[in-house]
Amino acid sequence: GVSSWRFLLQPTIKLKPKRVVIGFDADAQSKEESVGKAV
């Protein structure tokens, strides 16, 4: 779930990547009022 992104913040920072690529489920584009807002 997109609302759980904060759980990955510290592990990601610890890994020190140059770039983070987020791939949200495609329904974020059609469900603007729910998933889209969370994205």
PDB file of all heavy atoms in Angstrom:
ATOM      1  N   GLY A   1       0.808  -1.221   0.000  1.00  0.00           N
ATOM      2  CA  GLY A   1       0.000   0.000   0.000  1.00  0.00           C
ATOM      3  C   GLY A   1       0.835   1.262   0.000  1.00  0.00           C
ATOM      4  O   GLY A   1       1.839   1.357   0.698  1.00  0.00           O
ATOM      5  N   VAL A   2       0.377   2.214  -0.784  1.00  0.00           N
ATOM      6  CA  VAL A   2       1.113   3.460  -0.955  1.00  0.00           C
ATOM      7  C   VAL A   2       1.232   4.257   0.346  1.00  0.00           C
ATOM      8  O   VAL A   2       2.205   4.975   0.548  1.00  0.00           O
ATOM      9  CB  VAL A   2       0.472   4.309  -2.083  1.00  0.00           C
ATOM     10  CG1 VAL A   2      -0.921   4.765  -1.716  1.00  0.00           C
ATOM     11  CG2 VAL A   2       1.342   5.489  -2.438  1.00  0.00           C
ATOM     12  N   SER A   3       0.295   4.097   1.244  1.00  0.00           N
ATOM     13  CA  SER A   3       0.340   4.840   2.508  1.00  0.00           C
ATOM     14  C   SER A   3       1.409   4.328   3.462  1.00  0.00           C
ATOM     15  O   SER A   3       1.686   4.962   4.477  1.00  0.00           O
ATOM     16  CB  SER A   3      -1.026   4.790   3.194  1.00  0.00           C
ATOM     17  OG  SER A   3      -1.994   5.386   2.361  1.00  0.00           O
ATOM     18  N   SER A   4       2.023   3.210   3.147  1.00  0.00           N
ATOM     19  CA  SER A   4       3.050   2.620   4.017  1.00  0.00           C
ATOM     20  C   SER A   4       4.469   2.997   3.614  1.00  0.00           C
ATOM     21  O   SER A   4       5.426   2.420   4.123  1.00  0.00           O
ATOM     22  CB  SER A   4       2.917   1.093   3.997  1.00  0.00           C
ATOM     23  OG  SER A   4       1.642   0.693   4.405  1.00  0.00           O
ATOM     24  N   TRP A   5       4.640   3.963   2.735  1.00  0.00           N
ATOM     25  CA  TRP A   5       5.962   4.310   2.202  1.00  0.00           C
ATOM     26  C   TRP A   5       6.965   4.691   3.284  1.00  0.00           C
ATOM     27  O   TRP A   5       8.153   4.451   3.141  1.00  0.00           O
ATOM     28  CB  TRP A   5       5.844   5.425   1.159  1.00  0.00           C
ATOM     29  CG  TRP A   5       5.424   6.755   1.705  1.00  0.00           C
ATOM     30  CD1 TRP A   5       4.144   7.220   1.829  1.00  0.00           C
ATOM     31  CD2 TRP A   5       6.268   7.784   2.203  1.00  0.00           C
ATOM     32  NE1 TRP A   5       4.133   8.465   2.380  1.00  0.00           N
ATOM     33  CE2 TRP A   5       5.439   8.847   2.624  1.00  0.00           C
ATOM     34  CE3 TRP A   5       7.647   7.924   2.353  1.00  0.00           C
ATOM     35  CZ2 TRP A   5       5.929  10.016   3.167  1.00  0.00           C
ATOM     36  CZ3 TRP A   5       8.138   9.099   2.895  1.00  0.00           C
ATOM     37  CH2 TRP A   5       7.294  10.131   3.300  1.00  0.00           C
ATOM     38  N   ARG A   6       6.505   5.256   4.390  1.00  0.00           N
ATOM     39  CA  ARG A   6       7.425   5.711   5.446  1.00  0.00           C
ATOM     40  C   ARG A   6       8.246   4.562   6.048  1.00  0.00           C
ATOM     41  O   ARG A   6       9.343   4.769   6.529  1.00  0.00           O
ATOM     42  CB  ARG A   6       6.664   6.446   6.532  1.00  0.00           C
ATOM     43  CG  ARG A   6       6.230   7.819   6.098  1.00  0.00           C
ATOM     44  CD  ARG A   6       5.434   8.528   7.198  1.00  0.00           C
ATOM     45  NE  ARG A   6       4.923   9.792   6.745  1.00  0.00           N
ATOM     46  CZ  ARG A   6       3.814   9.965   6.046  1.00  0.00           C
ATOM     47  NH1 ARG A   6       3.093   8.930   5.707  1.00  0.00           N
ATOM     48  NH2 ARG A   6       3.414  11.160   5.674  1.00  0.00           N
ATOM     49  N   PHE A   7       7.692   3.342   6.004  1.00  0.00           N
ATOM     50  CA  PHE A   7       8.417   2.185   6.523  1.00  0.00           C
ATOM     51  C   PHE A   7       9.721   1.937   5.763  1.00  0.00           C
ATOM     52  O   PHE A   7      10.650   1.335   6.286  1.00  0.00           O
ATOM     53  CB  PHE A   7       7.556   0.912   6.481  1.00  0.00           C
ATOM     54  CG  PHE A   7       6.417   0.916   7.449  1.00  0.00           C
ATOM     55  CD1 PHE A   7       5.110   0.926   6.994  1.00  0.00           C
ATOM     56  CD2 PHE A   7       6.640   0.917   8.817  1.00  0.00           C
ATOM     57  CE1 PHE A   7       4.046   0.926   7.890  1.00  0.00           C
ATOM     58  CE2 PHE A   7       5.592   0.918   9.723  1.00  0.00           C
ATOM     59  CZ  PHE A   7       4.293   0.930   9.253  1.00  0.00           C
ATOM     60  N   LEU A   8       9.778   2.393   4.510  1.00  0.00           N
ATOM     61  CA  LEU A   8      10.961   2.167   3.686  1.00  0.00           C
ATOM     62  C   LEU A   8      11.958   3.315   3.742  1.00  0.00           C
ATOM     63  O   LEU A   8      13.057   3.189   3.214  1.00  0.00           O
ATOM     64  CB  LEU A   8      10.549   1.941   2.228  1.00  0.00           C
ATOM     65  CG  LEU A   8       9.709   0.704   1.978  1.00  0.00           C
ATOM     66  CD1 LEU A   8       9.344   0.623   0.512  1.00  0.00           C
ATOM     67  CD2 LEU A   8      10.452  -0.542   2.403  1.00  0.00           C
ATOM     68  N   LEU A   9      11.598   4.409   4.379  1.00  0.00           N
ATOM     69  CA  LEU A   9      12.453   5.592   4.360  1.00  0.00           C
ATOM     70  C   LEU A   9      13.821   5.340   4.998  1.00  0.00           C
ATOM     71  O   LEU A   9      14.854   5.560   4.369  1.00  0.00           O
ATOM     72  CB  LEU A   9      11.744   6.759   5.040  1.00  0.00           C
ATOM     73  CG  LEU A   9      12.427   8.101   4.902  1.00  0.00           C
ATOM     74  CD1 LEU A   9      12.595   8.484   3.441  1.00  0.00           C
ATOM     75  CD2 LEU A   9      11.646   9.171   5.639  1.00  0.00           C
ATOM     76  N   GLN A  10      13.856   4.873   6.218  1.00  0.00           N
ATOM     77  CA  GLN A  10      15.148   4.653   6.895  1.00  0.00           C
ATOM     78  C   GLN A  10      15.999   3.577   6.223  1.00  0.00           C
ATOM     79  O   GLN A  10      17.193   3.785   6.015  1.00  0.00           O
ATOM     80  CB  GLN A  10      14.934   4.350   8.381  1.00  0.00           C
ATOM     81  CG  GLN A  10      14.494   5.570   9.181  1.00  0.00           C
ATOM     82  CD  GLN A  10      15.426   6.760   9.017  1.00  0.00           C
ATOM     83  OE1 GLN A  10      16.640   6.645   9.035  1.00  0.00           O
ATOM     84  NE2 GLN A  10      14.840   7.927   8.831  1.00  0.00           N
ATOM     85  N   PRO A  11      15.423   2.421   5.865  1.00  0.00           N
ATOM     86  CA  PRO A  11      16.243   1.431   5.153  1.00  0.00           C
ATOM     87  C   PRO A  11      16.797   1.976   3.834  1.00  0.00           C
ATOM     88  O   PRO A  11      17.931   1.690   3.460  1.00  0.00           O
ATOM     89  CB  PRO A  11      15.291   0.255   4.899  1.00  0.00           C
ATOM     90  CG  PRO A  11      14.196   0.419   5.881  1.00  0.00           C
ATOM     91  CD  PRO A  11      14.093   1.879   6.156  1.00  0.00           C
ATOM     92  N   THR A  12      16.005   2.762   3.139  1.00  0.00           N
ATOM     93  CA  THR A  12      16.446   3.339   1.871  1.00  0.00           C
ATOM     94  C   THR A  12      17.609   4.300   2.091  1.00  0.00           C
ATOM     95  O   THR A  12      18.623   4.231   1.390  1.00  0.00           O
ATOM     96  CB  THR A  12      15.280   4.062   1.163  1.00  0.00           C
ATOM     97  OG1 THR A  12      14.246   3.114   0.907  1.00  0.00           O
ATOM     98  CG2 THR A  12      15.733   4.702  -0.129  1.00  0.00           C
ATOM     99  N   ILE A  13      17.480   5.183   3.048  1.00  0.00           N
ATOM    100  CA  ILE A  13      18.549   6.143   3.344  1.00  0.00           C
ATOM    101  C   ILE A  13      19.821   5.408   3.751  1.00  0.00           C
ATOM    102  O   ILE A  13      20.926   5.776   3.348  1.00  0.00           O
ATOM    103  CB  ILE A  13      18.085   7.150   4.417  1.00  0.00           C
ATOM    104  CG1 ILE A  13      17.006   8.068   3.813  1.00  0.00           C
ATOM    105  CG2 ILE A  13      19.260   7.958   4.962  1.00  0.00           C
ATOM    106  CD1 ILE A  13      16.290   8.928   4.832  1.00  0.00           C
ATOM    107  N   LYS A  14      19.662   4.349   4.507  1.00  0.00           N
ATOM    108  CA  LYS A  14      20.811   3.547   4.950  1.00  0.00           C
ATOM    109  C   LYS A  14      21.547   2.896   3.771  1.00  0.00           C
ATOM    110  O   LYS A  14      22.766   2.761   3.785  1.00  0.00           O
ATOM    111  CB  LYS A  14      20.325   2.478   5.933  1.00  0.00           C
ATOM    112  CG  LYS A  14      21.373   1.917   6.815  1.00  0.00           C
ATOM    113  CD  LYS A  14      20.733   1.019   7.860  1.00  0.00           C
ATOM    114  CE  LYS A  14      21.701   0.814   8.992  1.00  0.00           C
ATOM    115  NZ  LYS A  14      21.121   0.044  10.075  1.00  0.00           N
ATOM    116  N   LEU A  15      20.801   2.510   2.734  1.00  0.00           N
ATOM    117  CA  LEU A  15      21.387   1.879   1.558  1.00  0.00           C
ATOM    118  C   LEU A  15      22.127   2.883   0.661  1.00  0.00           C
ATOM    119  O   LEU A  15      22.926   2.492  -0.176  1.00  0.00           O
ATOM    120  CB  LEU A  15      20.308   1.169   0.737  1.00  0.00           C
ATOM    121  CG  LEU A  15      19.737  -0.085   1.371  1.00  0.00           C
ATOM    122  CD1 LEU A  15      18.492  -0.526   0.616  1.00  0.00           C
ATOM    123  CD2 LEU A  15      20.777  -1.195   1.378  1.00  0.00           C
ATOM    124  N   LYS A  16      21.822   4.167   0.803  1.00  0.00           N
ATOM    125  CA  LYS A  16      22.465   5.258   0.059  1.00  0.00           C
ATOM    126  C   LYS A  16      22.409   5.099  -1.466  1.00  0.00           C
ATOM    127  O   LYS A  16      23.418   5.218  -2.151  1.00  0.00           O
ATOM    128  CB  LYS A  16      23.922   5.425   0.509  1.00  0.00           C
ATOM    129  CG  LYS A  16      24.062   5.736   1.968  1.00  0.00           C
ATOM    130  CD  LYS A  16      25.517   5.849   2.362  1.00  0.00           C
ATOM    131  CE  LYS A  16      25.607   6.062   3.864  1.00  0.00           C
ATOM    132  NZ  LYS A  16      26.958   6.097   4.334  1.00  0.00           N
ATOM    133  N   PRO A  17      21.219   4.875  -2.015  1.00  0.00           N
ATOM    134  CA  PRO A  17      21.137   4.797  -3.480  1.00  0.00           C
ATOM    135  C   PRO A  17      21.251   6.191  -4.091  1.00  0.00           C
ATOM    136  O   PRO A  17      21.039   7.194  -3.402  1.00  0.00           O
ATOM    137  CB  PRO A  17      19.734   4.239  -3.715  1.00  0.00           C
ATOM    138  CG  PRO A  17      18.949   4.773  -2.557  1.00  0.00           C
ATOM    139  CD  PRO A  17      19.915   4.736  -1.387  1.00  0.00           C
ATOM    140  N   LYS A  18      21.559   6.248  -5.355  1.00  0.00           N
ATOM    141  CA  LYS A  18      21.584   7.531  -6.054  1.00  0.00           C
ATOM    142  C   LYS A  18      20.174   7.945  -6.449  1.00  0.00           C
ATOM    143  O   LYS A  18      19.862   9.119  -6.522  1.00  0.00           O
ATOM    144  CB  LYS A  18      22.467   7.449  -7.301  1.00  0.00           C
ATOM    145  CG  LYS A  18      23.921   7.282  -6.961  1.00  0.00           C
ATOM    146  CD  LYS A  18      24.766   7.231  -8.193  1.00  0.00           C
ATOM    147  CE  LYS A  18      26.209   7.010  -7.739  1.00  0.00           C
ATOM    148  NZ  LYS A  18      27.151   7.147  -8.814  1.00  0.00           N
ATOM    149  N   ARG A  19      19.339   6.949  -6.728  1.00  0.00           N
ATOM    150  CA  ARG A  19      17.963   7.218  -7.163  1.00  0.00           C
ATOM    151  C   ARG A  19      17.030   6.171  -6.593  1.00  0.00           C
ATOM    152  O   ARG A  19      17.366   4.998  -6.527  1.00  0.00           O
ATOM    153  CB  ARG A  19      17.881   7.187  -8.679  1.00  0.00           C
ATOM    154  CG  ARG A  19      16.462   7.377  -9.212  1.00  0.00           C
ATOM    155  CD  ARG A  19      16.353   7.163 -10.703  1.00  0.00           C
ATOM    156  NE  ARG A  19      17.028   8.238 -11.411  1.00  0.00           N
ATOM    157  CZ  ARG A  19      17.322   8.189 -12.701  1.00  0.00           C
ATOM    158  NH1 ARG A  19      17.037   7.112 -13.414  1.00  0.00           N
ATOM    159  NH2 ARG A  19      17.912   9.203 -13.294  1.00  0.00           N
ATOM    160  N   VAL A  20      15.842   6.621  -6.236  1.00  0.00           N
ATOM    161  CA  VAL A  20      14.757   5.732  -5.839  1.00  0.00           C
ATOM    162  C   VAL A  20      13.687   5.838  -6.913  1.00  0.00           C
ATOM    163  O   VAL A  20      13.274   6.939  -7.286  1.00  0.00           O
ATOM    164  CB  VAL A  20      14.172   6.133  -4.463  1.00  0.00           C
ATOM    165  CG1 VAL A  20      12.863   5.424  -4.191  1.00  0.00           C
ATOM    166  CG2 VAL A  20      15.167   5.855  -3.360  1.00  0.00           C
ATOM    167  N   VAL A  21      13.246   4.698  -7.409  1.00  0.00           N
ATOM    168  CA  VAL A  21      12.175   4.652  -8.399  1.00  0.00           C
ATOM    169  C   VAL A  21      10.959   4.029  -7.728  1.00  0.00           C
ATOM    170  O   VAL A  21      11.032   2.901  -7.238  1.00  0.00           O
ATOM    171  CB  VAL A  21      12.581   3.820  -9.638  1.00  0.00           C
ATOM    172  CG1 VAL A  21      11.427   3.753 -10.625  1.00  0.00           C
ATOM    173  CG2 VAL A  21      13.834   4.393 -10.276  1.00  0.00           C
ATOM    174  N   ILE A  22       9.872   4.766  -7.723  1.00  0.00           N
ATOM    175  CA  ILE A  22       8.637   4.276  -7.121  1.00  0.00           C
ATOM    176  C   ILE A  22       7.700   3.851  -8.236  1.00  0.00           C
ATOM    177  O   ILE A  22       7.468   4.606  -9.183  1.00  0.00           O
ATOM    178  CB  ILE A  22       7.973   5.355  -6.248  1.00  0.00           C
ATOM    179  CG1 ILE A  22       8.920   5.807  -5.138  1.00  0.00           C
ATOM    180  CG2 ILE A  22       6.675   4.829  -5.664  1.00  0.00           C
ATOM    181  CD1 ILE A  22       8.375   6.927  -4.287  1.00  0.00           C
ATOM    182  N   GLY A  23       7.175   2.636  -8.135  1.00  0.00           N
ATOM    183  CA  GLY A  23       6.223   2.123  -9.126  1.00  0.00           C
ATOM    184  C   GLY A  23       4.887   1.863  -8.460  1.00  0.00           C
ATOM    185  O   GLY A  23       4.698   0.800  -7.884  1.00  0.00           O
ATOM    186  N   PHE A  24       3.994   2.827  -8.517  1.00  0.00           N
ATOM    187  CA  PHE A  24       2.656   2.678  -7.939  1.00  0.00           C
ATOM    188  C   PHE A  24       1.793   1.839  -8.867  1.00  0.00           C
ATOM    189  O   PHE A  24       1.988   1.858 -10.079  1.00  0.00           O
ATOM    190  CB  PHE A  24       1.985   4.048  -7.777  1.00  0.00           C
ATOM    191  CG  PHE A  24       2.768   5.009  -6.934  1.00  0.00           C
ATOM    192  CD1 PHE A  24       3.453   6.061  -7.515  1.00  0.00           C
ATOM    193  CD2 PHE A  24       2.822   4.863  -5.559  1.00  0.00           C
ATOM    194  CE1 PHE A  24       4.173   6.956  -6.745  1.00  0.00           C
ATOM    195  CE2 PHE A  24       3.544   5.749  -4.772  1.00  0.00           C
ATOM    196  CZ  PHE A  24       4.211   6.801  -5.374  1.00  0.00           C
ATOM    197  N   ASP A  25       0.821   1.128  -8.322  1.00  0.00           N
ATOM    198  CA  ASP A  25      -0.120   0.402  -9.168  1.00  0.00           C
ATOM    199  C   ASP A  25      -0.800   1.391 -10.111  1.00  0.00           C
ATOM    200  O   ASP A  25      -1.054   2.549  -9.759  1.00  0.00           O
ATOM    201  CB  ASP A  25      -1.181  -0.308  -8.332  1.00  0.00           C
ATOM    202  CG  ASP A  25      -0.673  -1.587  -7.696  1.00  0.00           C
ATOM    203  OD1 ASP A  25       0.472  -1.993  -7.988  1.00  0.00           O
ATOM    204  OD2 ASP A  25      -1.428  -2.184  -6.899  1.00  0.00           O
ATOM    205  N   ALA A  26      -1.088   0.941 -11.313  1.00  0.00           N
ATOM    206  CA  ALA A  26      -1.639   1.809 -12.350  1.00  0.00           C
ATOM    207  C   ALA A  26      -3.008   2.380 -12.002  1.00  0.00           C
ATOM    208  O   ALA A  26      -3.396   3.416 -12.535  1.00  0.00           O
ATOM    209  CB  ALA A  26      -1.713   1.056 -13.673  1.00  0.00           C
ATOM    210  N   ASP A  27      -3.737   1.754 -11.083  1.00  0.00           N
ATOM    211  CA  ASP A  27      -5.059   2.280 -10.739  1.00  0.00           C
ATOM    212  C   ASP A  27      -4.981   3.615 -10.012  1.00  0.00           C
ATOM    213  O   ASP A  27      -5.990   4.290  -9.836  1.00  0.00           O
ATOM    214  CB  ASP A  27      -5.895   1.269  -9.967  1.00  0.00           C
ATOM    215  CG  ASP A  27      -5.336   0.908  -8.609  1.00  0.00           C
ATOM    216  OD1 ASP A  27      -4.182   1.280  -8.293  1.00  0.00           O
ATOM    217  OD2 ASP A  27      -6.053   0.225  -7.859  1.00  0.00           O
ATOM    218  N   ALA A  28      -3.790   4.045  -9.625  1.00  0.00           N
ATOM    219  CA  ALA A  28      -3.627   5.375  -9.026  1.00  0.00           C
ATOM    220  C   ALA A  28      -4.037   6.455 -10.023  1.00  0.00           C
ATOM    221  O   ALA A  28      -4.438   7.545  -9.626  1.00  0.00           O
ATOM    222  CB  ALA A  28      -2.182   5.589  -8.590  1.00  0.00           C
ATOM    223  N   GLN A  29      -3.948   6.149 -11.297  1.00  0.00           N
ATOM    224  CA  GLN A  29      -4.317   7.110 -12.335  1.00  0.00           C
ATOM    225  C   GLN A  29      -5.824   7.240 -12.506  1.00  0.00           C
ATOM    226  O   GLN A  29      -6.320   8.307 -12.854  1.00  0.00           O
ATOM    227  CB  GLN A  29      -3.681   6.696 -13.664  1.00  0.00           C
ATOM    228  CG  GLN A  29      -2.169   6.658 -13.601  1.00  0.00           C
ATOM    229  CD  GLN A  29      -1.576   5.955 -14.801  1.00  0.00           C
ATOM    230  OE1 GLN A  29      -1.908   6.284 -15.935  1.00  0.00           O
ATOM    231  NE2 GLN A  29      -0.710   4.982 -14.564  1.00  0.00           N
ATOM    232  N   SER A  30      -6.560   6.177 -12.255  1.00  0.00           N
ATOM    233  CA  SER A  30      -8.009   6.223 -12.445  1.00  0.00           C
ATOM    234  C   SER A  30      -8.771   6.433 -11.132  1.00  0.00           C
ATOM    235  O   SER A  30      -9.928   6.836 -11.162  1.00  0.00           O
ATOM    236  CB  SER A  30      -8.501   4.946 -13.126  1.00  0.00           C
ATOM    237  OG  SER A  30      -8.214   3.814 -12.326  1.00  0.00           O
ATOM    238  N   LYS A  31      -8.126   6.169 -10.024  1.00  0.00           N
ATOM    239  CA  LYS A  31      -8.764   6.357  -8.715  1.00  0.00           C
ATOM    240  C   LYS A  31      -8.164   7.593  -8.043  1.00  0.00           C
ATOM    241  O   LYS A  31      -7.564   7.524  -6.968  1.00  0.00           O
ATOM    242  CB  LYS A  31      -8.555   5.125  -7.842  1.00  0.00           C
ATOM    243  CG  LYS A  31      -9.223   3.882  -8.370  1.00  0.00           C
ATOM    244  CD  LYS A  31      -8.969   2.710  -7.453  1.00  0.00           C
ATOM    245  CE  LYS A  31      -9.632   1.455  -7.954  1.00  0.00           C
ATOM    246  NZ  LYS A  31      -9.318   0.305  -7.100  1.00  0.00           N
ATOM    247  N   GLU A  32      -8.326   8.741  -8.710  1.00  0.00           N
ATOM    248  CA  GLU A  32      -7.689   9.977  -8.270  1.00  0.00           C
ATOM    249  C   GLU A  32      -8.079  10.394  -6.853  1.00  0.00           C
ATOM    250  O   GLU A  32      -7.259  10.945  -6.130  1.00  0.00           O
ATOM    251  CB  GLU A  32      -8.018  11.106  -9.240  1.00  0.00           C
ATOM    252  CG  GLU A  32      -7.413  10.901 -10.613  1.00  0.00           C
ATOM    253  CD  GLU A  32      -7.802  11.995 -11.582  1.00  0.00           C
ATOM    254  OE1 GLU A  32      -7.954  13.149 -11.152  1.00  0.00           O
ATOM    255  OE2 GLU A  32      -7.955  11.679 -12.771  1.00  0.00           O
ATOM    256  N   GLU A  33      -9.314  10.159  -6.475  1.00  0.00           N
ATOM    257  CA  GLU A  33      -9.783  10.622  -5.170  1.00  0.00           C
ATOM    258  C   GLU A  33      -9.301   9.763  -4.000  1.00  0.00           C
ATOM    259  O   GLU A  33      -9.355  10.190  -2.868  1.00  0.00           O
ATOM    260  CB  GLU A  33     -11.314  10.712  -5.152  1.00  0.00           C
ATOM    261  CG  GLU A  33     -11.846  11.863  -5.981  1.00  0.00           C
ATOM    262  CD  GLU A  33     -11.287  13.220  -5.531  1.00  0.00           C
ATOM    263  OE1 GLU A  33     -11.307  13.513  -4.332  1.00  0.00           O
ATOM    264  OE2 GLU A  33     -10.825  13.970  -6.411  1.00  0.00           O
ATOM    265  N   SER A  34      -8.835   8.563  -4.274  1.00  0.00           N
ATOM    266  CA  SER A  34      -8.371   7.699  -3.187  1.00  0.00           C
ATOM    267  C   SER A  34      -6.888   7.394  -3.360  1.00  0.00           C
ATOM    268  O   SER A  34      -6.031   8.026  -2.732  1.00  0.00           O
ATOM    269  CB  SER A  34      -9.206   6.417  -3.141  1.00  0.00           C
ATOM    270  OG  SER A  34      -9.178   5.755  -4.404  1.00  0.00           O
ATOM    271  N   VAL A  35      -6.571   6.471  -4.224  1.00  0.00           N
ATOM    272  CA  VAL A  35      -5.182   6.057  -4.434  1.00  0.00           C
ATOM    273  C   VAL A  35      -4.357   7.224  -4.970  1.00  0.00           C
ATOM    274  O   VAL A  35      -3.232   7.458  -4.530  1.00  0.00           O
ATOM    275  CB  VAL A  35      -5.090   4.851  -5.395  1.00  0.00           C
ATOM    276  CG1 VAL A  35      -3.656   4.402  -5.571  1.00  0.00           C
ATOM    277  CG2 VAL A  35      -5.945   3.703  -4.898  1.00  0.00           C
ATOM    278  N   GLY A  36      -4.920   7.977  -5.891  1.00  0.00           N
ATOM    279  CA  GLY A  36      -4.203   9.112  -6.469  1.00  0.00           C
ATOM    280  C   GLY A  36      -3.770  10.124  -5.429  1.00  0.00           C
ATOM    281  O   GLY A  36      -2.644  10.627  -5.466  1.00  0.00           O
ATOM    282  N   LYS A  37      -4.643  10.424  -4.481  1.00  0.00           N
ATOM    283  CA  LYS A  37      -4.287  11.361  -3.411  1.00  0.00           C
ATOM    284  C   LYS A  37      -3.184  10.795  -2.526  1.00  0.00           C
ATOM    285  O   LYS A  37      -2.284  11.515  -2.092  1.00  0.00           O
ATOM    286  CB  LYS A  37      -5.516  11.709  -2.570  1.00  0.00           C
ATOM    287  CG  LYS A  37      -6.429  12.690  -3.247  1.00  0.00           C
ATOM    288  CD  LYS A  37      -7.568  13.102  -2.338  1.00  0.00           C
ATOM    289  CE  LYS A  37      -8.439  14.124  -3.030  1.00  0.00           C
ATOM    290  NZ  LYS A  37      -9.558  14.565  -2.185  1.00  0.00           N
ATOM    291  N   ALA A  38      -3.236   9.511  -2.253  1.00  0.00           N
ATOM    292  CA  ALA A  38      -2.193   8.874  -1.440  1.00  0.00           C
ATOM    293  C   ALA A  38      -0.853   8.908  -2.164  1.00  0.00           C
ATOM    294  O   ALA A  38       0.197   9.107  -1.544  1.00  0.00           O
ATOM    295  CB  ALA A  38      -2.588   7.435  -1.103  1.00  0.00           C
ATOM    296  N   VAL A  39      -0.866   8.742  -3.478  1.00  0.00           N
ATOM    297  CA  VAL A  39       0.359   8.809  -4.278  1.00  0.00           C
ATOM    298  C   VAL A  39       0.965  10.209  -4.185  1.00  0.00           C
ATOM    299  O   VAL A  39       2.167  10.369  -3.975  1.00  0.00           O
ATOM    300  CB  VAL A  39       0.077   8.414  -5.747  1.00  0.00           C
ATOM    301  CG1 VAL A  39       1.215   8.820  -6.658  1.00  0.00           C
ATOM    302  CG2 VAL A  39      -0.187   6.926  -5.848  1.00  0.00           C
TER     303      VAL A  39
END
